[in-house]
Structures are given as structure tokens and as C-alpha cells.
Amino acid sequence: EIESLCKEIRVIRSSSPVTAGFIWVEVFHHSVSKGCGVNILCDMLNIHPDETCGVGNDYNDIDLLDFTACSFVTRNAPLEVRGRYTEVPANEEDGFATVVQSII
């Protein structure tokens, strides 16, 4: 509903990283996303997207995970997000470190 009021914004639902059970709403300019940021970095650093890896845990990571060649999501991510990517242990179980160790 918020997006319909202004074509310049994009709204992403996100769960709270601090307090379980709370829902946050993130509002961005429509051209801003983590995926867009990684794409810009790839261009700047001359890295092909096929050489990228992403790890996420929430709705606001979907653009990043859709962009990266290898995409992982932590076990504590929402079900709708977990079903789309390779699952790794939860944040509290060193999910990010698990991915890094498997790569190096």
C-alpha cells in the first residue's frame, strides 16, 4: 500500500534482528538494493558476477542472493526465503563462517 503512494520507493518487509516476533518495514529508493550494491562493486573491482557469493537471513537479502552466483541463507531466515536458496546453519550457529570455510 505504501508503494502505491509513491513510485520512487520500494518497501521490503524484514524481521527484527534484535527482538524476535517484531516485523520491520524498510523503505528505500526504488533503485537501491544489496544486489545493486554488489553489482556496482563487481564493476568497480572487475569481478564477474559468476565469482560472487552471498549469505543472507531475511527478505532484504533477496536481491543480493538473486544476484550472486552462489547464494546461501541461514536456517533462522523466514521460511519463504529459506526455500529459495541453499540453507546453512543459523546466525547463532556460525552460518556465515560455515560458508566462508567451505569456500576457502
C-alpha atoms as a PDB file:
ATOM      1  CA  GLU A   1       0.000   0.000   0.000  1.00  0.00           C
ATOM      2  CA  ILE A   2       2.838   2.390   0.838  1.00  0.00           C
ATOM      3  CA  GLU A   3       4.498   1.746  -2.523  1.00  0.00           C
ATOM      4  CA  SER A   4       1.334   2.768  -4.372  1.00  0.00           C
ATOM      5  CA  LEU A   5       1.601   6.240  -2.823  1.00  0.00           C
ATOM      6  CA  CYS A   6       4.999   6.960  -4.309  1.00  0.00           C
ATOM      7  CA  LYS A   7       6.591   5.310  -7.348  1.00  0.00           C
ATOM      8  CA  GLU A   8      10.042   6.370  -6.171  1.00  0.00           C
ATOM      9  CA  ILE A   9      10.146   3.979  -3.201  1.00  0.00           C
ATOM     10  CA  ARG A  10      10.371   0.264  -2.613  1.00  0.00           C
ATOM     11  CA  VAL A  11       9.163  -1.368   0.606  1.00  0.00           C
ATOM     12  CA  ILE A  12      10.724  -4.547   1.985  1.00  0.00           C
ATOM     13  CA  ARG A  13       9.339  -6.486   4.917  1.00  0.00           C
ATOM     14  CA  SER A  14      12.013  -7.571   7.356  1.00  0.00           C
ATOM     15  CA  SER A  15      12.046  -9.341  10.679  1.00  0.00           C
ATOM     16  CA  SER A  16      13.778  -7.703  13.605  1.00  0.00           C
ATOM     17  CA  PRO A  17      17.407  -8.711  14.150  1.00  0.00           C
ATOM     18  CA  VAL A  18      17.059  -7.563  17.761  1.00  0.00           C
ATOM     19  CA  THR A  19      13.642  -8.628  19.036  1.00  0.00           C
ATOM     20  CA  ALA A  20      12.058 -11.859  17.824  1.00  0.00           C
ATOM     21  CA  GLY A  21       8.485 -11.577  16.670  1.00  0.00           C
ATOM     22  CA  PHE A  22       8.647  -7.955  15.544  1.00  0.00           C
ATOM     23  CA  ILE A  23       8.269  -7.010  11.880  1.00  0.00           C
ATOM     24  CA  TRP A  24      10.141  -4.066  10.437  1.00  0.00           C
ATOM     25  CA  VAL A  25       9.402  -2.268   7.203  1.00  0.00           C
ATOM     26  CA  GLU A  26      12.359  -0.920   5.257  1.00  0.00           C
ATOM     27  CA  VAL A  27      11.726   1.869   2.757  1.00  0.00           C
ATOM     28  CA  PHE A  28      14.278   2.551   0.011  1.00  0.00           C
ATOM     29  CA  HIS A  29      14.525   4.478  -3.213  1.00  0.00           C
ATOM     30  CA  HIS A  30      13.336   2.041  -5.890  1.00  0.00           C
ATOM     31  CA  SER A  31      16.839   1.710  -7.369  1.00  0.00           C
ATOM     32  CA  VAL A  32      18.553   0.808  -4.062  1.00  0.00           C
ATOM     33  CA  SER A  33      19.219  -2.797  -3.038  1.00  0.00           C
ATOM     34  CA  LYS A  34      22.015  -5.002  -1.760  1.00  0.00           C
ATOM     35  CA  GLY A  35      22.095  -6.711  -5.160  1.00  0.00           C
ATOM     36  CA  CYS A  36      22.575  -3.356  -6.881  1.00  0.00           C
ATOM     37  CA  GLY A  37      25.379  -2.538  -4.453  1.00  0.00           C
ATOM     38  CA  VAL A  38      27.186  -5.800  -5.182  1.00  0.00           C
ATOM     39  CA  ASN A  39      26.739  -5.228  -8.910  1.00  0.00           C
ATOM     40  CA  ILE A  40      28.385  -1.794  -8.577  1.00  0.00           C
ATOM     41  CA  LEU A  41      31.260  -3.318  -6.556  1.00  0.00           C
ATOM     42  CA  CYS A  42      31.734  -6.030  -9.176  1.00  0.00           C
ATOM     43  CA  ASP A  43      32.018  -3.369 -11.883  1.00  0.00           C
ATOM     44  CA  MET A  44      34.438  -1.270  -9.807  1.00  0.00           C
ATOM     45  CA  LEU A  45      36.651  -4.224  -8.874  1.00  0.00           C
ATOM     46  CA  ASN A  46      36.382  -6.015 -12.230  1.00  0.00           C
ATOM     47  CA  ILE A  47      34.813  -9.118 -10.659  1.00  0.00           C
ATOM     48  CA  HIS A  48      32.492 -11.238 -12.782  1.00  0.00           C
ATOM     49  CA  PRO A  49      29.128 -11.957 -11.103  1.00  0.00           C
ATOM     50  CA  ASP A  50      29.843 -15.683 -11.549  1.00  0.00           C
ATOM     51  CA  GLU A  51      32.614 -15.231  -8.968  1.00  0.00           C
ATOM     52  CA  THR A  52      30.327 -13.902  -6.236  1.00  0.00           C
ATOM     53  CA  CYS A  53      28.793 -15.465  -3.162  1.00  0.00           C
ATOM     54  CA  GLY A  54      26.065 -14.138  -0.910  1.00  0.00           C
ATOM     55  CA  VAL A  55      24.815 -15.059   2.542  1.00  0.00           C
ATOM     56  CA  GLY A  56      21.538 -13.706   3.839  1.00  0.00           C
ATOM     57  CA  ASN A  57      18.989 -14.162   6.578  1.00  0.00           C
ATOM     58  CA  ASP A  58      15.947 -12.063   5.678  1.00  0.00           C
ATOM     59  CA  TYR A  59      13.728 -10.548   2.992  1.00  0.00           C
ATOM     60  CA  ASN A  60      16.065  -7.602   2.500  1.00  0.00           C
ATOM     61  CA  ASP A  61      18.736 -10.023   1.260  1.00  0.00           C
ATOM     62  CA  ILE A  62      16.707 -11.457  -1.648  1.00  0.00           C
ATOM     63  CA  ASP A  63      18.105  -9.019  -4.254  1.00  0.00           C
ATOM     64  CA  LEU A  64      21.635  -9.845  -3.094  1.00  0.00           C
ATOM     65  CA  LEU A  65      21.012 -13.588  -3.172  1.00  0.00           C
ATOM     66  CA  ASP A  66      19.365 -13.401  -6.597  1.00  0.00           C
ATOM     67  CA  PHE A  67      22.411 -11.543  -7.939  1.00  0.00           C
ATOM     68  CA  THR A  68      25.209 -13.698  -6.526  1.00  0.00           C
ATOM     69  CA  ALA A  69      26.261 -16.910  -8.249  1.00  0.00           C
ATOM     70  CA  CYS A  70      26.397 -18.919  -5.015  1.00  0.00           C
ATOM     71  CA  SER A  71      23.658 -17.953  -2.597  1.00  0.00           C
ATOM     72  CA  PHE A  72      23.131 -19.200   0.931  1.00  0.00           C
ATOM     73  CA  VAL A  73      20.521 -18.429   3.545  1.00  0.00           C
ATOM     74  CA  THR A  74      20.743 -19.061   7.267  1.00  0.00           C
ATOM     75  CA  ARG A  75      18.407 -21.500   8.975  1.00  0.00           C
ATOM     76  CA  ASN A  76      16.854 -18.694  11.020  1.00  0.00           C
ATOM     77  CA  ALA A  77      15.614 -16.891   7.885  1.00  0.00           C
ATOM     78  CA  PRO A  78      11.865 -16.735   7.158  1.00  0.00           C
ATOM     79  CA  LEU A  79      10.502 -19.896   5.502  1.00  0.00           C
ATOM     80  CA  GLU A  80       9.725 -18.072   2.249  1.00  0.00           C
ATOM     81  CA  VAL A  81      13.370 -17.050   1.954  1.00  0.00           C
ATOM     82  CA  ARG A  82      14.867 -20.363   3.076  1.00  0.00           C
ATOM     83  CA  GLY A  83      13.036 -22.274   0.364  1.00  0.00           C
ATOM     84  CA  ARG A  84      14.787 -20.348  -2.408  1.00  0.00           C
ATOM     85  CA  TYR A  85      18.474 -20.824  -1.561  1.00  0.00           C
ATOM     86  CA  THR A  86      20.940 -23.312  -0.088  1.00  0.00           C
ATOM     87  CA  GLU A  87      20.442 -23.425   3.665  1.00  0.00           C
ATOM     88  CA  VAL A  88      23.311 -23.120   6.162  1.00  0.00           C
ATOM     89  CA  PRO A  89      23.315 -23.046   9.983  1.00  0.00           C
ATOM     90  CA  ALA A  90      21.611 -20.126  11.748  1.00  0.00           C
ATOM     91  CA  ASN A  91      23.391 -16.865  12.594  1.00  0.00           C
ATOM     92  CA  GLU A  92      23.933 -18.056  16.156  1.00  0.00           C
ATOM     93  CA  GLU A  93      25.417 -21.308  14.827  1.00  0.00           C
ATOM     94  CA  ASP A  94      28.075 -19.575  12.702  1.00  0.00           C
ATOM     95  CA  GLY A  95      26.225 -19.921   9.395  1.00  0.00           C
ATOM     96  CA  PHE A  96      28.331 -17.224   7.737  1.00  0.00           C
ATOM     97  CA  ALA A  97      31.581 -18.823   8.946  1.00  0.00           C
ATOM     98  CA  THR A  98      30.379 -22.187   7.626  1.00  0.00           C
ATOM     99  CA  VAL A  99      30.050 -20.709   4.137  1.00  0.00           C
ATOM    100  CA  VAL A 100      33.437 -18.987   4.285  1.00  0.00           C
ATOM    101  CA  GLN A 101      35.163 -22.174   5.474  1.00  0.00           C
ATOM    102  CA  SER A 102      33.589 -24.180   2.652  1.00  0.00           C
ATOM    103  CA  ILE A 103      34.924 -21.702   0.088  1.00  0.00           C
ATOM    104  CA  ILE A 104      38.469 -21.320   1.363  1.00  0.00           C
END
